[in-house]
Amino acid sequence: MGDLVIGARSGAGEPEGSGGRVARSAEAAAPSASAEEAAAQSADEHGDGTDDASKPTPDNAEPAGGTEEQPERKERKPRSFWKELPILIGIALVLALVIKTFFVQAFSIPSESMQNTLQVGDRVLVDKLTPWFGAEPERGEVVVFHDPGGWLADEPTNESSNSFVRGVQNVLSFVGLMPSDNEKDLIKRVIAVGGDTVECEGEGPVKVNGIALDEPYVYPGNTPCGTKPFGPVKVPDGRIWVMGDHRADSLDSRFHMDQPGGGTVPVDDVIGRAFVVAWPINRWSTLPVPDTFDQKGLVAAALPAVPAAAGALGAVALLPLVRRRWNGTDRDDRS
């Protein structure tokens, strides 16, 4: 009977016990779920106890474990000034050499033969470009030319006695950054060109093709002929007659009439025309052709060639018209 009671209690209490087990299971599940949420929240806050890889991440979200370092782009560092300086110097020297060879060159005035137009120590710039295109010296221009032979035989050079200074001067003069002191070059004014007749009697004036020259550039106190009257002299084609502005102190064409060429200078020996005084600054000036050389009679010797040249150009221009006319006449005759 006791067994029955016990059994009855067991049978009667089974649903309750089962319901109790269910209740306990629900109650146990509830704390478990809340524990998981707390753990998840704690993991979110502290980063522990969760598998980040299992969580969905937005497209723009950074990968777990922090940002991965990307390789930095190496930017080219600009060269230092001191590394580029030799390159710049090399380029400058090459450009200077090209300019000196083909365009402009500086020359130093060593004597008083061109006073007062040019003083001793003046630096002039000489145009070397136009002769490359066939331009020849014109009357009144101040030109630099090579020694035709014997003109500078007794002239001293201005080289420095210091070998180092002399070497630097030679290098700089070679590239055109400094005038050379030992080159055999002269500077004079062109008075007459090929085909002209030039003369100077007594105290002057100088005459070219019978036209007297008014020469305001002659050194004050000098006569146009200086101490050496000459002529008349017929200047050969391809040569020029030159004189210094300081007529009493210039060994120019007048003093070399006994040499080949009769004192004239070959055009091929002309380096170029001096067009400006560049140094010193207070002496800066241009070297234009004086108005006296614009007189009409001076170009009389060259006039006969003008009609011939104009006729040749006219014939070339009319040639297509003549051919067209001739061909048209031929066709008419054949028909």
Protein backbone atom coordinates (compact mmCIF):
# COMPACT_ATOMS: atom_id res chain seq x y z
CA MET A 1 0.00 0.00 0.00
CA GLY A 2 2.79 2.23 0.65
CA ASP A 3 4.04 1.30 -2.67
CA LEU A 4 0.73 2.29 -4.10
CA VAL A 5 0.83 5.61 -2.43
CA ILE A 6 4.26 6.17 -3.63
CA GLY A 7 3.25 4.95 -7.01
CA ALA A 8 0.18 7.13 -6.95
CA ARG A 9 2.20 10.10 -5.99
CA SER A 10 4.56 9.28 -8.72
CA GLY A 11 1.78 8.82 -11.25
CA ALA A 12 -0.03 11.87 -10.09
CA GLY A 13 3.01 13.99 -9.92
CA GLU A 14 4.45 12.94 -13.24
CA PRO A 15 2.67 15.53 -15.34
CA GLU A 16 3.58 18.12 -12.82
CA GLY A 17 7.08 16.85 -12.73
CA SER A 18 7.20 16.76 -16.46
CA GLY A 19 5.75 20.22 -16.61
CA GLY A 20 8.24 21.20 -14.05
CA ARG A 21 11.01 19.78 -16.16
CA VAL A 22 9.71 21.76 -19.09
CA ALA A 23 9.48 24.83 -17.01
CA ARG A 24 12.94 24.29 -15.74
CA SER A 25 14.15 23.73 -19.30
CA ALA A 26 12.57 27.00 -20.42
CA GLU A 27 13.97 28.76 -17.44
CA ALA A 28 17.39 27.19 -18.11
CA ALA A 29 17.17 28.15 -21.76
CA ALA A 30 16.29 31.70 -20.94
CA PRO A 31 19.37 32.34 -18.87
CA SER A 32 21.45 30.60 -21.51
CA ALA A 33 20.14 32.91 -24.25
CA SER A 34 20.71 35.97 -22.13
CA ALA A 35 24.21 34.71 -21.40
CA GLU A 36 24.92 34.36 -25.10
CA GLU A 37 23.69 37.91 -25.75
CA ALA A 38 25.83 39.20 -22.92
CA ALA A 39 28.81 37.30 -24.27
CA ALA A 40 28.18 38.66 -27.74
CA GLN A 41 27.86 42.17 -26.38
CA SER A 42 31.02 41.69 -24.37
CA ALA A 43 32.80 40.37 -27.47
CA ASP A 44 31.65 43.38 -29.43
CA GLU A 45 32.95 45.65 -26.72
CA HIS A 46 36.19 43.85 -26.00
CA GLY A 47 36.81 41.81 -29.11
CA ASP A 48 37.08 38.52 -27.21
CA GLY A 49 35.17 35.25 -27.50
CA THR A 50 33.58 35.81 -30.90
CA ASP A 51 34.42 34.68 -34.40
CA ASP A 52 34.63 37.83 -36.48
CA ALA A 53 34.89 35.84 -39.69
CA SER A 54 31.37 34.47 -39.15
CA LYS A 55 29.89 37.96 -39.00
CA PRO A 56 28.72 39.56 -42.26
CA THR A 57 30.68 42.64 -43.09
CA PRO A 58 29.60 45.50 -45.35
CA ASP A 59 31.47 46.04 -48.60
CA ASN A 60 33.28 49.10 -47.32
CA ALA A 61 34.06 47.59 -43.92
CA GLU A 62 37.65 47.08 -42.98
CA PRO A 63 38.81 43.47 -42.52
CA ALA A 64 38.95 42.08 -39.00
CA GLY A 65 42.06 42.40 -37.00
CA GLY A 66 42.70 46.00 -38.02
CA THR A 67 43.74 47.59 -41.35
CA GLU A 68 46.32 45.82 -43.42
CA GLU A 69 49.22 48.12 -44.33
CA GLN A 70 49.35 48.91 -48.04
CA PRO A 71 52.77 49.31 -49.74
CA GLU A 72 53.63 53.00 -49.91
CA ARG A 73 54.29 54.53 -53.35
CA LYS A 74 57.85 55.69 -53.60
CA GLU A 75 57.95 59.22 -54.93
CA ARG A 76 61.01 60.23 -56.89
CA LYS A 77 63.02 62.71 -54.98
CA PRO A 78 64.20 65.70 -57.05
CA ARG A 79 67.90 65.79 -57.68
CA SER A 80 69.84 68.15 -55.54
CA PHE A 81 71.12 71.37 -57.03
CA TRP A 82 74.73 70.28 -56.68
CA LYS A 83 74.09 67.10 -58.69
CA GLU A 84 72.43 69.06 -61.49
CA LEU A 85 75.01 71.84 -61.51
CA PRO A 86 77.60 69.96 -63.68
CA ILE A 87 74.86 69.14 -66.21
CA LEU A 88 73.76 72.77 -66.34
CA ILE A 89 77.34 73.96 -66.77
CA GLY A 90 77.91 71.45 -69.58
CA ILE A 91 74.77 72.57 -71.42
CA ALA A 92 75.73 76.23 -70.97
CA LEU A 93 79.22 75.63 -72.39
CA VAL A 94 77.86 73.76 -75.40
CA LEU A 95 75.32 76.51 -76.11
CA ALA A 96 78.02 79.18 -75.72
CA LEU A 97 80.26 77.32 -78.16
CA VAL A 98 77.46 77.02 -80.72
CA ILE A 99 76.55 80.70 -80.34
CA LYS A 100 80.19 81.73 -80.71
CA THR A 101 80.68 79.56 -83.79
CA PHE A 102 77.53 80.47 -85.69
CA PHE A 103 75.87 83.55 -84.21
CA VAL A 104 77.69 86.10 -82.04
CA GLN A 105 81.21 86.44 -80.68
CA ALA A 106 82.76 88.94 -78.30
CA PHE A 107 86.01 90.75 -79.15
CA SER A 108 88.21 93.03 -77.08
CA ILE A 109 89.62 96.30 -78.45
CA PRO A 110 93.41 96.24 -77.84
CA SER A 111 94.52 99.51 -79.48
CA GLU A 112 93.56 103.11 -80.15
CA SER A 113 93.12 102.75 -83.91
CA MET A 114 89.31 103.08 -83.77
CA GLN A 115 89.04 106.01 -81.35
CA ASN A 116 86.76 107.73 -80.58
CA THR A 117 84.25 105.20 -81.82
CA LEU A 118 85.89 102.44 -79.79
CA GLN A 119 88.17 102.79 -76.77
CA VAL A 120 90.87 100.44 -75.52
CA GLY A 121 89.25 97.72 -73.40
CA ASP A 122 85.81 97.96 -75.02
CA ARG A 123 84.07 94.66 -75.68
CA VAL A 124 82.12 94.49 -78.92
CA LEU A 125 79.70 91.85 -80.14
CA VAL A 126 80.19 90.67 -83.71
CA ASP A 127 77.43 89.27 -85.90
CA LYS A 128 78.69 86.01 -87.43
CA LEU A 129 75.33 84.76 -88.67
CA THR A 130 74.66 86.91 -91.75
CA PRO A 131 77.93 85.96 -93.52
CA TRP A 132 76.72 82.34 -93.43
CA PHE A 133 73.87 83.42 -95.71
CA GLY A 134 76.15 85.12 -98.19
CA ALA A 135 75.99 88.68 -96.82
CA GLU A 136 79.13 90.71 -97.58
CA PRO A 137 80.52 93.75 -95.77
CA GLU A 138 79.08 97.11 -96.77
CA ARG A 139 80.57 100.59 -96.76
CA GLY A 140 80.58 102.21 -93.35
CA GLU A 141 80.35 99.01 -91.32
CA VAL A 142 82.83 98.28 -88.53
CA VAL A 143 84.13 94.76 -89.18
CA VAL A 144 86.44 92.26 -87.51
CA PHE A 145 88.70 90.29 -89.84
CA HIS A 146 91.64 87.90 -89.73
CA ASP A 147 95.10 89.24 -90.41
CA PRO A 148 95.43 89.09 -94.23
CA GLY A 149 99.17 88.54 -93.75
CA GLY A 150 101.77 90.69 -92.02
CA TRP A 151 99.45 93.34 -90.62
CA LEU A 152 100.03 92.27 -87.02
CA ALA A 153 103.60 91.01 -87.35
CA ASP A 154 104.95 93.48 -84.81
CA GLU A 155 101.89 93.71 -82.56
CA PRO A 156 102.42 92.37 -79.00
CA THR A 157 99.93 89.96 -77.46
CA ASN A 158 98.14 90.60 -74.17
CA GLU A 159 98.48 87.12 -72.69
CA SER A 160 98.74 86.83 -68.92
CA SER A 161 102.08 85.74 -67.45
CA ASN A 162 100.24 83.43 -65.01
CA SER A 163 99.83 79.99 -66.60
CA PHE A 164 96.63 79.18 -64.66
CA VAL A 165 94.98 82.50 -65.59
CA ARG A 166 96.11 82.05 -69.16
CA GLY A 167 94.57 78.55 -69.26
CA VAL A 168 91.25 79.80 -67.92
CA GLN A 169 91.27 82.64 -70.45
CA ASN A 170 91.94 80.21 -73.29
CA VAL A 171 89.06 77.94 -72.26
CA LEU A 172 86.61 80.82 -71.85
CA SER A 173 87.68 82.40 -75.13
CA PHE A 174 87.32 79.05 -76.88
CA VAL A 175 83.64 78.78 -75.92
CA GLY A 176 83.06 82.49 -76.54
CA LEU A 177 82.54 83.61 -72.96
CA MET A 178 85.62 85.83 -73.05
CA PRO A 179 87.47 87.64 -75.85
CA SER A 180 90.79 86.11 -76.83
CA ASP A 181 93.90 88.22 -76.30
CA ASN A 182 96.15 86.33 -78.68
CA GLU A 183 94.00 85.94 -81.79
CA LYS A 184 95.35 87.64 -84.90
CA ASP A 185 92.23 89.66 -85.64
CA LEU A 186 91.75 93.33 -86.47
CA ILE A 187 88.84 95.76 -86.38
CA LYS A 188 88.43 98.62 -88.88
CA ARG A 189 85.76 100.52 -90.80
CA VAL A 190 84.90 99.51 -94.35
CA ILE A 191 85.44 102.50 -96.65
CA ALA A 192 85.13 100.88 -100.08
CA VAL A 193 84.03 97.49 -101.47
CA GLY A 194 84.80 95.49 -104.58
CA GLY A 195 84.48 97.58 -107.76
CA ASP A 196 84.87 100.94 -105.95
CA THR A 197 87.63 103.46 -106.59
CA VAL A 198 88.93 105.08 -103.42
CA GLU A 199 91.44 107.90 -102.95
CA CYS A 200 92.57 110.61 -100.55
CA GLU A 201 94.80 113.48 -101.63
CA GLY A 202 96.57 115.96 -99.38
CA GLU A 203 94.50 116.42 -96.26
CA GLY A 204 91.38 114.95 -97.76
CA PRO A 205 88.54 114.33 -97.94
CA VAL A 206 88.41 110.63 -98.73
CA LYS A 207 86.58 110.02 -102.00
CA VAL A 208 84.74 106.88 -103.09
CA ASN A 209 83.78 106.75 -106.77
CA GLY A 210 84.49 110.47 -106.91
CA ILE A 211 82.12 111.30 -104.02
CA ALA A 212 83.64 113.07 -101.01
CA LEU A 213 82.84 111.50 -97.66
CA ASP A 214 81.76 113.56 -94.67
CA GLU A 215 83.31 111.57 -91.82
CA PRO A 216 82.17 112.79 -88.39
CA TYR A 217 83.59 109.63 -86.80
CA VAL A 218 87.24 110.58 -87.56
CA TYR A 219 89.26 111.21 -84.39
CA PRO A 220 89.26 114.92 -83.46
CA GLY A 221 92.39 116.70 -84.74
CA ASN A 222 93.06 114.10 -87.47
CA THR A 223 92.74 114.79 -91.17
CA PRO A 224 90.80 112.27 -93.28
CA CYS A 225 94.03 111.14 -94.99
CA GLY A 226 96.05 111.17 -91.77
CA THR A 227 99.74 111.07 -92.57
CA LYS A 228 99.29 108.76 -95.56
CA PRO A 229 97.54 110.13 -98.68
CA PHE A 230 96.83 107.45 -101.25
CA GLY A 231 95.16 106.52 -104.51
CA PRO A 232 93.24 106.35 -106.57
CA VAL A 233 92.93 102.60 -105.85
CA LYS A 234 90.55 100.26 -107.66
CA VAL A 235 89.29 97.71 -105.13
CA PRO A 236 89.18 94.20 -106.65
CA ASP A 237 85.98 92.17 -106.50
CA GLY A 238 85.69 90.08 -103.36
CA ARG A 239 87.86 92.46 -101.33
CA ILE A 240 87.37 95.58 -99.17
CA TRP A 241 89.34 98.75 -98.32
CA VAL A 242 89.44 99.46 -94.57
CA MET A 243 90.60 102.39 -92.44
CA GLY A 244 90.68 103.14 -88.71
CA ASP A 245 88.77 106.12 -87.32
CA HIS A 246 91.95 107.32 -85.61
CA ARG A 247 93.68 108.05 -88.92
CA ALA A 248 96.98 109.15 -87.35
CA ASP A 249 97.23 105.93 -85.28
CA SER A 250 95.92 103.16 -87.53
CA LEU A 251 98.01 100.81 -89.66
CA ASP A 252 95.19 100.10 -92.08
CA SER A 253 94.93 99.52 -95.85
CA ARG A 254 97.01 102.65 -96.55
CA PHE A 255 100.11 101.10 -95.01
CA HIS A 256 99.92 97.71 -96.76
CA MET A 257 99.59 98.73 -100.38
CA ASP A 258 102.93 97.04 -101.17
CA GLN A 259 101.58 93.65 -100.07
CA PRO A 260 99.48 91.15 -102.08
CA GLY A 261 96.04 92.64 -102.62
CA GLY A 262 97.37 96.21 -102.58
CA GLY A 263 96.21 96.85 -99.03
CA THR A 264 92.74 95.35 -99.52
CA VAL A 265 91.27 92.59 -97.35
CA PRO A 266 89.61 89.45 -98.75
CA VAL A 267 85.93 89.23 -97.91
CA ASP A 268 86.50 85.61 -96.89
CA ASP A 269 88.75 86.85 -94.05
CA VAL A 270 85.93 88.92 -92.52
CA ILE A 271 84.58 87.32 -89.34
CA GLY A 272 81.57 89.59 -89.07
CA ARG A 273 80.21 93.02 -88.37
CA ALA A 274 80.57 94.64 -84.93
CA PHE A 275 77.10 95.90 -84.11
CA VAL A 276 77.19 96.87 -80.42
CA VAL A 277 79.57 97.91 -77.65
CA ALA A 278 78.55 95.55 -74.85
CA TRP A 279 81.11 96.40 -72.17
CA PRO A 280 81.70 98.41 -70.04
CA ILE A 281 78.10 99.21 -69.21
CA ASN A 282 78.64 102.97 -69.31
CA ARG A 283 79.96 102.61 -72.87
CA TRP A 284 77.02 100.61 -74.18
CA SER A 285 76.03 101.75 -77.68
CA THR A 286 75.19 100.47 -81.14
CA LEU A 287 77.49 100.81 -84.15
CA PRO A 288 75.28 101.96 -87.04
CA VAL A 289 76.38 102.81 -90.57
CA PRO A 290 76.94 106.61 -90.83
CA ASP A 291 74.62 108.56 -93.12
CA THR A 292 77.52 109.66 -95.34
CA PHE A 293 77.52 106.19 -96.93
CA ASP A 294 73.90 106.60 -98.06
CA GLN A 295 74.88 109.07 -100.79
CA LYS A 296 73.58 108.10 -104.22
CA GLY A 297 76.88 108.37 -106.10
CA LEU A 298 78.60 105.75 -103.94
CA VAL A 299 76.67 102.89 -105.52
CA ALA A 300 77.20 104.05 -109.09
CA ALA A 301 79.68 101.27 -109.75
CA ALA A 302 77.10 98.64 -108.91
CA LEU A 303 74.23 100.08 -110.96
CA PRO A 304 74.99 98.31 -114.29
CA ALA A 305 74.29 94.96 -112.65
CA VAL A 306 70.84 96.04 -111.45
CA PRO A 307 69.10 96.15 -114.88
CA ALA A 308 70.59 92.78 -115.79
CA ALA A 309 69.35 91.21 -112.57
CA ALA A 310 65.91 92.78 -112.98
CA GLY A 311 65.73 91.56 -116.57
CA ALA A 312 66.61 88.02 -115.53
CA LEU A 313 63.94 88.00 -112.83
CA GLY A 314 61.37 89.38 -115.29
CA ALA A 315 62.21 86.72 -117.86
CA VAL A 316 61.76 83.95 -115.29
CA ALA A 317 58.40 85.40 -114.23
CA LEU A 318 57.13 85.69 -117.82
CA LEU A 319 58.36 82.28 -118.94
CA PRO A 320 55.16 80.35 -117.98
CA LEU A 321 53.04 82.90 -119.88
CA VAL A 322 55.21 82.63 -122.98
CA ARG A 323 55.09 78.83 -122.89
CA ARG A 324 51.30 78.86 -122.57
CA ARG A 325 50.96 81.27 -125.44
CA TRP A 326 53.36 79.31 -127.60
CA ASN A 327 51.65 75.98 -126.90
CA GLY A 328 48.28 77.48 -127.73
CA THR A 329 49.57 78.80 -131.07
CA ASP A 330 50.99 75.41 -131.94
CA ARG A 331 47.67 73.72 -131.33
CA ASP A 332 45.83 76.28 -133.46
CA ASP A 333 48.30 75.78 -136.35
CA ARG A 334 47.99 72.01 -136.19
CA SER A 335 44.23 72.16 -136.28
